[in-house]
């Protein structure tokens, strides 16, 4: 089982995170929309309260964000 940090649980991110959980991976996710993040807990994922919490201890970090602006904010600031 791989520990995965997942940032961005919207229309594309949530199904991807869900499939990773179904495949047996442990997923800790974060989204600025708390309702989107809470869907993750309904499928046995762990909801993080912040990006750094989602990434702590992760072997892999996946981002599924709307644009380059958000990606830069997550990785650079």
Protein backbone atom coordinates (compact mmCIF):
# COMPACT_ATOMS: atom_id res chain seq x y z
CA UNK A 1 0.00 0.00 0.00
CA UNK A 2 1.35 3.39 -1.02
CA UNK A 3 0.68 6.48 1.10
CA UNK A 4 -0.57 9.19 -1.26
CA UNK A 5 -1.13 12.89 -0.64
CA UNK A 6 -3.77 14.25 -2.99
CA UNK A 7 -4.36 17.96 -3.50
CA UNK A 8 -7.49 18.95 -5.41
CA UNK A 9 -10.60 16.81 -4.99
CA UNK A 10 -12.93 18.37 -7.53
CA UNK A 11 -14.53 16.90 -10.64
CA UNK A 12 -11.37 15.18 -11.82
CA UNK A 13 -9.41 14.79 -8.60
CA UNK A 14 -12.06 13.06 -6.51
CA UNK A 15 -12.66 10.18 -8.95
CA UNK A 16 -8.90 9.70 -9.28
CA UNK A 17 -8.44 9.64 -5.49
CA UNK A 18 -11.39 7.26 -5.16
CA UNK A 19 -9.85 4.86 -7.70
CA UNK A 20 -6.56 4.92 -5.81
CA UNK A 21 -8.39 3.98 -2.61
CA UNK A 22 -10.22 1.17 -4.43
CA UNK A 23 -6.82 -0.08 -5.62
CA UNK A 24 -5.70 -0.39 -1.99
CA UNK A 25 -3.70 2.81 -1.49
CA UNK A 26 -3.98 5.08 1.53
CA UNK A 27 -5.04 8.54 0.36
CA UNK A 28 -4.93 11.71 2.42
CA UNK A 29 -6.52 14.58 0.56
CA UNK A 30 -6.99 18.31 0.76
CA UNK A 31 -9.24 20.71 -1.10
CA UNK A 32 -10.06 24.36 -0.41
CA UNK A 33 -13.73 23.37 -0.69
CA UNK A 34 -14.45 21.48 2.52
CA UNK A 35 -17.48 19.73 0.98
CA UNK A 36 -15.27 18.29 -1.76
CA UNK A 37 -12.78 17.10 0.84
CA UNK A 38 -15.49 15.48 2.97
CA UNK A 39 -16.53 13.26 0.03
CA UNK A 40 -13.12 11.63 0.40
CA UNK A 41 -13.87 10.49 3.94
CA UNK A 42 -17.07 8.85 2.69
CA UNK A 43 -14.95 6.51 0.54
CA UNK A 44 -12.43 5.70 3.32
CA UNK A 45 -9.92 8.42 2.52
CA UNK A 46 -8.41 10.73 5.10
CA UNK A 47 -9.23 14.43 4.97
CA UNK A 48 -6.35 16.79 5.72
CA UNK A 49 -6.85 20.24 7.20
CA UNK A 50 -4.03 21.76 5.14
CA UNK A 51 -1.77 20.97 2.20
CA UNK A 52 1.25 20.24 4.38
CA UNK A 53 -0.81 17.80 6.44
CA UNK A 54 -1.91 15.96 3.28
CA UNK A 55 1.72 15.67 2.17
CA UNK A 56 3.21 14.65 5.53
CA UNK A 57 4.46 11.08 5.26
CA UNK A 58 3.31 10.70 1.66
CA UNK A 59 5.38 8.58 -0.69
CA UNK A 60 3.67 10.25 -3.64
CA UNK A 61 1.92 13.61 -3.95
CA UNK A 62 -0.62 14.18 -6.70
CA UNK A 63 -2.13 17.53 -7.59
CA UNK A 64 -5.26 17.90 -9.71
CA UNK A 65 -5.84 21.62 -9.84
CA UNK A 66 -7.72 23.95 -12.20
CA UNK A 67 -4.82 25.93 -13.61
CA UNK A 68 -1.10 26.64 -13.49
CA UNK A 69 -1.72 29.46 -11.01
CA UNK A 70 -2.99 27.04 -8.36
CA UNK A 71 -0.23 24.53 -9.10
CA UNK A 72 2.43 27.21 -8.57
CA UNK A 73 0.77 28.29 -5.32
CA UNK A 74 0.80 24.72 -3.99
CA UNK A 75 4.38 23.88 -4.97
CA UNK A 76 6.05 27.29 -4.54
CA UNK A 77 4.16 29.16 -1.94
